[in-house]
C-alpha cells in the first residue's frame, strides 16, 4: 500500500501554535488535578453546605476514608487556598473560601472556553 504524499491527504500539515500557552496549560492542569480527586470534591461539597466552620472530626466521620487521608486532602485544599481552618483547642475547624472557589471557577471556565 502506497503512502499518500503528506500534504495531499491533509496529514502532516503544520498546525500552528496552541491557543493554550505552556503556562496556561500548566495552571489548568494543576487546577483540574486539584479537583480531580473524589475526596477533595466531597470535602468542598461538605464545607460549601455550611456557612459556618466544620470540625475536622465531623469531616472525618462523613468521609469513607481514614483520618490521615482526610488530613492529606485538607492540606492540599488549604495550600491551594480553597479552604482554611481555625484552631480551637484541640480541634481544627475548616471553612470554604467562597471567593477563592469562585475565582477558580472563573479561571477554569475561561480556559475551557478556548477548547470549545
C-alpha atoms as a PDB file:
ATOM      1  CA  UNK A   1       0.000   0.000   0.000  1.00  0.00           C
ATOM      2  CA  UNK A   2       1.392   3.375  -1.008  1.00  0.00           C
ATOM      3  CA  UNK A   3       1.524   6.244   1.446  1.00  0.00           C
ATOM      4  CA  UNK A   4      -0.163   9.397   0.213  1.00  0.00           C
ATOM      5  CA  UNK A   5       2.005  12.471  -0.079  1.00  0.00           C
ATOM      6  CA  UNK A   6       1.814  14.271   3.283  1.00  0.00           C
ATOM      7  CA  UNK A   7       0.189  17.485   2.082  1.00  0.00           C
ATOM      8  CA  UNK A   8      -2.242  15.847  -0.321  1.00  0.00           C
ATOM      9  CA  UNK A   9      -4.210  13.984   2.340  1.00  0.00           C
ATOM     10  CA  UNK A  10      -4.335  16.741   4.934  1.00  0.00           C
ATOM     11  CA  UNK A  11      -1.985  14.755   7.111  1.00  0.00           C
ATOM     12  CA  UNK A  12       1.223  16.240   8.434  1.00  0.00           C
ATOM     13  CA  UNK A  13       0.210  19.812   7.724  1.00  0.00           C
ATOM     14  CA  UNK A  14       1.524  22.355  10.208  1.00  0.00           C
ATOM     15  CA  UNK A  15      -0.986  23.053  12.954  1.00  0.00           C
ATOM     16  CA  UNK A  16       0.390  26.343  14.180  1.00  0.00           C
ATOM     17  CA  UNK A  17       0.615  27.323  17.820  1.00  0.00           C
ATOM     18  CA  UNK A  18      -1.709  26.149  20.551  1.00  0.00           C
ATOM     19  CA  UNK A  19      -4.083  28.810  21.840  1.00  0.00           C
ATOM     20  CA  UNK A  20      -3.255  27.498  25.302  1.00  0.00           C
ATOM     21  CA  UNK A  21       0.179  28.724  26.351  1.00  0.00           C
ATOM     22  CA  UNK A  22       2.502  26.404  28.237  1.00  0.00           C
ATOM     23  CA  UNK A  23       1.907  28.434  31.400  1.00  0.00           C
ATOM     24  CA  UNK A  24      -1.876  28.363  30.960  1.00  0.00           C
ATOM     25  CA  UNK A  25      -1.790  24.615  30.285  1.00  0.00           C
ATOM     26  CA  UNK A  26       0.299  24.090  33.422  1.00  0.00           C
ATOM     27  CA  UNK A  27      -2.121  26.178  35.517  1.00  0.00           C
ATOM     28  CA  UNK A  28      -5.174  24.450  34.056  1.00  0.00           C
ATOM     29  CA  UNK A  29      -3.623  21.047  34.694  1.00  0.00           C
ATOM     30  CA  UNK A  30      -2.908  21.993  38.303  1.00  0.00           C
ATOM     31  CA  UNK A  31      -6.444  23.293  38.827  1.00  0.00           C
ATOM     32  CA  UNK A  32      -8.018  20.216  37.262  1.00  0.00           C
ATOM     33  CA  UNK A  33      -5.678  17.954  39.225  1.00  0.00           C
ATOM     34  CA  UNK A  34      -6.728  19.633  42.445  1.00  0.00           C
ATOM     35  CA  UNK A  35     -10.371  18.944  41.631  1.00  0.00           C
ATOM     36  CA  UNK A  36      -9.592  15.533  40.176  1.00  0.00           C
ATOM     37  CA  UNK A  37      -9.971  13.527  43.370  1.00  0.00           C
ATOM     38  CA  UNK A  38     -13.393  12.483  44.688  1.00  0.00           C
ATOM     39  CA  UNK A  39     -12.450  13.002  48.346  1.00  0.00           C
ATOM     40  CA  UNK A  40     -11.399  16.599  47.689  1.00  0.00           C
ATOM     41  CA  UNK A  41     -14.640  17.207  45.820  1.00  0.00           C
ATOM     42  CA  UNK A  42     -16.609  15.726  48.722  1.00  0.00           C
ATOM     43  CA  UNK A  43     -14.731  17.902  51.222  1.00  0.00           C
ATOM     44  CA  UNK A  44     -15.502  21.012  49.182  1.00  0.00           C
ATOM     45  CA  UNK A  45     -19.144  19.973  48.922  1.00  0.00           C
ATOM     46  CA  UNK A  46     -19.446  19.330  52.660  1.00  0.00           C
ATOM     47  CA  UNK A  47     -17.875  22.674  53.509  1.00  0.00           C
ATOM     48  CA  UNK A  48     -19.963  24.519  50.902  1.00  0.00           C
ATOM     49  CA  UNK A  49     -23.139  23.250  52.577  1.00  0.00           C
ATOM     50  CA  UNK A  50     -22.278  25.151  55.761  1.00  0.00           C
ATOM     51  CA  UNK A  51     -21.998  28.870  56.315  1.00  0.00           C
ATOM     52  CA  UNK A  52     -20.050  28.301  59.499  1.00  0.00           C
ATOM     53  CA  UNK A  53     -16.953  26.268  60.277  1.00  0.00           C
ATOM     54  CA  UNK A  54     -16.937  22.467  60.297  1.00  0.00           C
ATOM     55  CA  UNK A  55     -14.921  20.475  62.817  1.00  0.00           C
ATOM     56  CA  UNK A  56     -12.360  18.141  61.311  1.00  0.00           C
ATOM     57  CA  UNK A  57     -13.889  15.301  63.344  1.00  0.00           C
ATOM     58  CA  UNK A  58     -17.200  15.820  61.506  1.00  0.00           C
ATOM     59  CA  UNK A  59     -15.441  15.775  58.143  1.00  0.00           C
ATOM     60  CA  UNK A  60     -13.643  12.567  59.063  1.00  0.00           C
ATOM     61  CA  UNK A  61     -16.936  10.955  60.114  1.00  0.00           C
ATOM     62  CA  UNK A  62     -18.633  11.969  56.851  1.00  0.00           C
ATOM     63  CA  UNK A  63     -15.963  10.608  54.510  1.00  0.00           C
ATOM     64  CA  UNK A  64     -15.251   6.967  53.579  1.00  0.00           C
ATOM     65  CA  UNK A  65     -11.513   7.204  54.274  1.00  0.00           C
ATOM     66  CA  UNK A  66      -9.291   7.203  57.339  1.00  0.00           C
ATOM     67  CA  UNK A  67      -8.109  10.306  59.191  1.00  0.00           C
ATOM     68  CA  UNK A  68      -4.626  10.526  57.600  1.00  0.00           C
ATOM     69  CA  UNK A  69      -6.194  10.553  54.132  1.00  0.00           C
ATOM     70  CA  UNK A  70      -8.667  13.264  55.135  1.00  0.00           C
ATOM     71  CA  UNK A  71      -5.797  15.317  56.568  1.00  0.00           C
ATOM     72  CA  UNK A  72      -3.803  14.894  53.355  1.00  0.00           C
ATOM     73  CA  UNK A  73      -6.650  16.198  51.188  1.00  0.00           C
ATOM     74  CA  UNK A  74      -7.422  19.034  53.600  1.00  0.00           C
ATOM     75  CA  UNK A  75      -3.776  20.097  53.403  1.00  0.00           C
ATOM     76  CA  UNK A  76      -3.845  20.153  49.588  1.00  0.00           C
ATOM     77  CA  UNK A  77      -7.029  22.222  49.560  1.00  0.00           C
ATOM     78  CA  UNK A  78      -5.575  24.623  52.140  1.00  0.00           C
ATOM     79  CA  UNK A  79      -2.338  25.005  50.183  1.00  0.00           C
ATOM     80  CA  UNK A  80      -4.418  25.840  47.101  1.00  0.00           C
ATOM     81  CA  UNK A  81      -6.273  28.481  49.103  1.00  0.00           C
ATOM     82  CA  UNK A  82      -9.716  26.942  48.573  1.00  0.00           C
ATOM     83  CA  UNK A  83     -10.285  26.252  52.257  1.00  0.00           C
ATOM     84  CA  UNK A  84      -8.874  27.493  55.519  1.00  0.00           C
ATOM     85  CA  UNK A  85      -9.042  26.474  59.137  1.00  0.00           C
ATOM     86  CA  UNK A  86      -9.065  27.892  62.603  1.00  0.00           C
ATOM     87  CA  UNK A  87      -7.777  26.037  65.631  1.00  0.00           C
ATOM     88  CA  UNK A  88      -9.958  25.963  68.713  1.00  0.00           C
ATOM     89  CA  UNK A  89      -8.335  23.989  71.473  1.00  0.00           C
ATOM     90  CA  UNK A  90      -7.508  20.510  70.233  1.00  0.00           C
ATOM     91  CA  UNK A  91      -9.707  20.709  67.142  1.00  0.00           C
ATOM     92  CA  UNK A  92      -9.359  22.337  63.747  1.00  0.00           C
ATOM     93  CA  UNK A  93     -12.448  23.907  62.209  1.00  0.00           C
ATOM     94  CA  UNK A  94     -12.499  24.195  58.432  1.00  0.00           C
ATOM     95  CA  UNK A  95     -14.382  26.536  56.151  1.00  0.00           C
ATOM     96  CA  UNK A  96     -14.564  27.077  52.421  1.00  0.00           C
ATOM     97  CA  UNK A  97     -13.130  30.253  50.938  1.00  0.00           C
ATOM     98  CA  UNK A  98     -16.001  31.013  48.581  1.00  0.00           C
ATOM     99  CA  UNK A  99     -14.185  33.851  46.813  1.00  0.00           C
ATOM    100  CA  UNK A 100     -11.274  31.525  46.023  1.00  0.00           C
ATOM    101  CA  UNK A 101     -13.622  28.837  44.696  1.00  0.00           C
ATOM    102  CA  UNK A 102     -15.393  31.471  42.563  1.00  0.00           C
ATOM    103  CA  UNK A 103     -12.024  32.617  41.180  1.00  0.00           C
ATOM    104  CA  UNK A 104     -11.077  29.004  40.401  1.00  0.00           C
ATOM    105  CA  UNK A 105     -14.402  28.509  38.633  1.00  0.00           C
ATOM    106  CA  UNK A 106     -13.841  31.637  36.531  1.00  0.00           C
ATOM    107  CA  UNK A 107     -10.306  30.514  35.617  1.00  0.00           C
ATOM    108  CA  UNK A 108     -11.495  27.054  34.624  1.00  0.00           C
ATOM    109  CA  UNK A 109     -14.368  28.369  32.524  1.00  0.00           C
ATOM    110  CA  UNK A 110     -12.133  30.885  30.755  1.00  0.00           C
ATOM    111  CA  UNK A 111      -9.542  28.239  29.890  1.00  0.00           C
ATOM    112  CA  UNK A 112     -12.069  25.576  28.939  1.00  0.00           C
ATOM    113  CA  UNK A 113     -13.892  28.041  26.677  1.00  0.00           C
ATOM    114  CA  UNK A 114     -10.778  28.129  24.488  1.00  0.00           C
ATOM    115  CA  UNK A 115     -11.226  24.397  23.869  1.00  0.00           C
ATOM    116  CA  UNK A 116     -14.772  24.677  22.551  1.00  0.00           C
END
